[in-house]
């Protein structure tokens, strides 16, 4: 009975770890890039602490009303909604996008050059961004590594001990014969 409970708990924990790994890392294999929502500028569409999954998109397909994720500067990624698209008079292939957060009263101060666009959010998962941020930096990184080590021990140690017990029982049986 105790072994069954341990196996169920271990199975659930392994399943959660695999799911978390897929949601945080595995989605990159299908072309999605996850970003954590750190401010409330896009409430209620994207809540603070959500993980937003962004897919690359052809900048020419973007239109007014679309949310986009873009590089504001080297260190800052922003997700806001397009409120106006402006075509450069000298080069019609150069587009600039004016954006605004859903919760903001005024548009953003500068336009977004098409080269700064990362992509378009396709879905988000509330609260998962908090987990992502936590495990990417100490002490959360240490907690995640320690949890992984404990999980590995929970999965493999019982099998090792049961093999040792079987060998011991076989030796005892052959000694009695």
Protein backbone atom coordinates (compact mmCIF):
# COMPACT_ATOMS: atom_id res chain seq x y z
CA UNK A 1 0.00 0.00 0.00
CA UNK A 2 2.78 2.42 0.95
CA UNK A 3 4.65 1.52 -2.23
CA UNK A 4 1.53 2.26 -4.32
CA UNK A 5 1.07 5.67 -2.68
CA UNK A 6 4.74 6.50 -3.25
CA UNK A 7 4.46 5.44 -6.89
CA UNK A 8 1.34 7.58 -7.43
CA UNK A 9 2.94 10.64 -5.82
CA UNK A 10 6.16 10.13 -7.76
CA UNK A 11 4.20 9.72 -10.99
CA UNK A 12 2.28 12.93 -10.38
CA UNK A 13 5.49 14.83 -9.57
CA UNK A 14 7.24 13.50 -12.68
CA UNK A 15 4.20 14.47 -14.77
CA UNK A 16 4.23 18.00 -13.34
CA UNK A 17 7.95 18.40 -13.98
CA UNK A 18 7.57 17.19 -17.58
CA UNK A 19 4.59 19.52 -18.13
CA UNK A 20 6.51 22.46 -16.67
CA UNK A 21 9.53 21.65 -18.85
CA UNK A 22 7.34 21.55 -21.96
CA UNK A 23 5.62 24.84 -21.08
CA UNK A 24 8.86 26.67 -20.27
CA UNK A 25 11.32 25.15 -22.74
CA UNK A 26 9.67 22.64 -25.07
CA UNK A 27 7.42 25.22 -26.73
CA UNK A 28 10.52 26.69 -28.35
CA UNK A 29 10.70 23.58 -30.53
CA UNK A 30 7.42 24.58 -32.20
CA UNK A 31 8.50 28.20 -32.74
CA UNK A 32 6.99 29.83 -29.66
CA UNK A 33 8.98 32.12 -27.39
CA UNK A 34 7.69 32.58 -23.81
CA UNK A 35 7.86 35.97 -22.09
CA UNK A 36 6.82 36.93 -18.57
CA UNK A 37 4.34 39.78 -18.15
CA UNK A 38 5.91 42.11 -15.58
CA UNK A 39 3.53 45.08 -15.66
CA UNK A 40 -0.20 45.67 -15.75
CA UNK A 41 -0.17 47.73 -18.96
CA UNK A 42 -2.05 45.02 -20.88
CA UNK A 43 -4.62 44.15 -18.20
CA UNK A 44 -7.09 42.47 -18.49
CA UNK A 45 -5.80 40.77 -21.68
CA UNK A 46 -2.50 39.67 -20.11
CA UNK A 47 -2.30 39.71 -16.33
CA UNK A 48 0.86 40.43 -14.36
CA UNK A 49 2.69 37.14 -13.82
CA UNK A 50 1.30 35.50 -16.95
CA UNK A 51 3.55 33.70 -19.39
CA UNK A 52 2.83 34.98 -22.91
CA UNK A 53 3.75 32.72 -25.84
CA UNK A 54 4.87 34.71 -28.87
CA UNK A 55 5.09 33.43 -32.45
CA UNK A 56 7.11 35.09 -35.20
CA UNK A 57 4.95 36.82 -37.77
CA UNK A 58 5.47 38.64 -41.04
CA UNK A 59 5.40 42.31 -40.03
CA UNK A 60 3.41 43.17 -43.17
CA UNK A 61 0.49 41.06 -41.91
CA UNK A 62 0.10 43.05 -38.69
CA UNK A 63 -2.83 45.40 -38.44
CA UNK A 64 -4.45 47.84 -36.05
CA UNK A 65 -5.82 45.97 -33.04
CA UNK A 66 -3.18 43.23 -33.04
CA UNK A 67 -1.07 42.78 -29.91
CA UNK A 68 2.66 42.61 -30.67
CA UNK A 69 5.75 41.80 -28.67
CA UNK A 70 8.77 43.94 -29.50
CA UNK A 71 12.16 45.10 -28.28
CA UNK A 72 11.90 48.53 -26.72
CA UNK A 73 15.66 48.57 -26.11
CA UNK A 74 18.38 45.94 -25.62
CA UNK A 75 17.05 44.92 -22.20
CA UNK A 76 13.31 45.53 -22.45
CA UNK A 77 10.66 43.46 -24.21
CA UNK A 78 7.15 44.92 -24.39
CA UNK A 79 3.77 43.56 -25.44
CA UNK A 80 1.28 46.26 -26.45
CA UNK A 81 -1.52 46.64 -28.98
CA UNK A 82 -1.12 48.33 -32.37
CA UNK A 83 -3.23 51.47 -32.62
CA UNK A 84 -1.82 52.82 -35.90
CA UNK A 85 0.39 51.58 -38.76
CA UNK A 86 2.48 54.17 -40.59
CA UNK A 87 4.18 53.52 -43.96
CA UNK A 88 7.47 55.36 -44.51
CA UNK A 89 7.08 57.84 -47.40
CA UNK A 90 10.58 57.18 -48.75
CA UNK A 91 10.51 53.38 -48.41
CA UNK A 92 7.08 51.68 -48.59
CA UNK A 93 8.60 48.46 -47.17
CA UNK A 94 9.44 50.25 -43.94
CA UNK A 95 6.57 50.21 -41.50
CA UNK A 96 6.29 51.80 -38.09
CA UNK A 97 3.72 50.80 -35.53
CA UNK A 98 2.22 53.01 -32.87
CA UNK A 99 1.20 51.04 -29.80
CA UNK A 100 -0.61 51.39 -26.52
CA UNK A 101 -1.15 49.15 -23.55
CA UNK A 102 -4.78 48.12 -23.03
CA UNK A 103 -4.74 49.54 -19.51
CA UNK A 104 -2.93 52.74 -20.49
CA UNK A 105 -4.77 56.00 -21.11
CA UNK A 106 -2.27 57.37 -23.62
CA UNK A 107 -0.34 55.86 -26.54
CA UNK A 108 3.31 54.91 -26.16
CA UNK A 109 5.74 57.78 -26.72
CA UNK A 110 7.62 56.32 -29.66
CA UNK A 111 6.77 54.19 -32.66
CA UNK A 112 8.01 50.63 -33.10
CA UNK A 113 10.20 49.96 -36.12
CA UNK A 114 9.26 46.73 -37.91
CA UNK A 115 12.75 45.30 -37.27
CA UNK A 116 12.14 45.45 -33.50
CA UNK A 117 9.06 43.23 -33.65
CA UNK A 118 9.60 39.80 -32.11
CA UNK A 119 6.18 38.47 -32.95
CA UNK A 120 2.55 38.22 -31.99
CA UNK A 121 1.25 36.64 -28.77
CA UNK A 122 -0.84 33.55 -29.51
CA UNK A 123 -1.83 32.59 -25.96
CA UNK A 124 -0.90 33.08 -22.32
CA UNK A 125 -1.01 31.10 -19.10
CA UNK A 126 -1.80 33.11 -15.95
CA UNK A 127 0.64 32.87 -13.00
CA UNK A 128 3.15 30.63 -14.84
CA UNK A 129 5.40 33.66 -15.33
CA UNK A 130 5.91 33.85 -11.56
CA UNK A 131 7.19 30.25 -11.60
CA UNK A 132 9.39 30.94 -14.63
CA UNK A 133 10.96 34.01 -13.02
CA UNK A 134 11.47 32.20 -9.72
CA UNK A 135 13.33 29.21 -11.14
CA UNK A 136 15.56 31.30 -13.40
CA UNK A 137 17.35 33.03 -10.52
CA UNK A 138 18.75 32.03 -7.13
CA UNK A 139 17.32 30.83 -4.77
CA UNK A 140 14.61 29.46 -7.07
CA UNK A 141 17.22 27.89 -9.31
CA UNK A 142 18.64 26.01 -6.33
CA UNK A 143 15.18 24.90 -5.25
CA UNK A 144 14.45 23.61 -8.77
CA UNK A 145 17.77 21.73 -8.95
CA UNK A 146 17.31 20.24 -5.48
CA UNK A 147 13.74 19.24 -6.31
CA UNK A 148 14.95 17.56 -9.47
CA UNK A 149 17.59 15.65 -7.53
CA UNK A 150 15.03 14.52 -4.93
CA UNK A 151 12.67 13.47 -7.71
CA UNK A 152 15.40 11.40 -9.34
CA UNK A 153 16.10 9.76 -5.99
CA UNK A 154 12.41 9.03 -5.49
CA UNK A 155 12.22 7.41 -8.90
CA UNK A 156 15.39 5.33 -8.90
CA UNK A 157 16.34 4.57 -5.28
CA UNK A 158 13.41 2.26 -4.51
CA UNK A 159 14.29 0.15 -7.56
CA UNK A 160 17.93 -0.09 -6.48
CA UNK A 161 16.95 -1.16 -2.96
CA UNK A 162 14.40 -3.68 -4.21
CA UNK A 163 17.06 -5.24 -6.48
CA UNK A 164 19.45 -5.49 -3.50
CA UNK A 165 16.70 -7.14 -1.43
CA UNK A 166 15.93 -9.62 -4.23
CA UNK A 167 19.61 -10.55 -4.51
CA UNK A 168 19.80 -10.96 -0.73
CA UNK A 169 16.70 -13.18 -0.73
CA UNK A 170 18.12 -15.26 -3.60
CA UNK A 171 21.41 -15.74 -1.69
CA UNK A 172 19.50 -16.76 1.45
CA UNK A 173 17.39 -19.21 -0.53
CA UNK A 174 20.43 -20.76 -2.22
CA UNK A 175 22.26 -20.96 1.13
CA UNK A 176 19.32 -22.81 2.67
CA UNK A 177 19.25 -25.35 -0.18
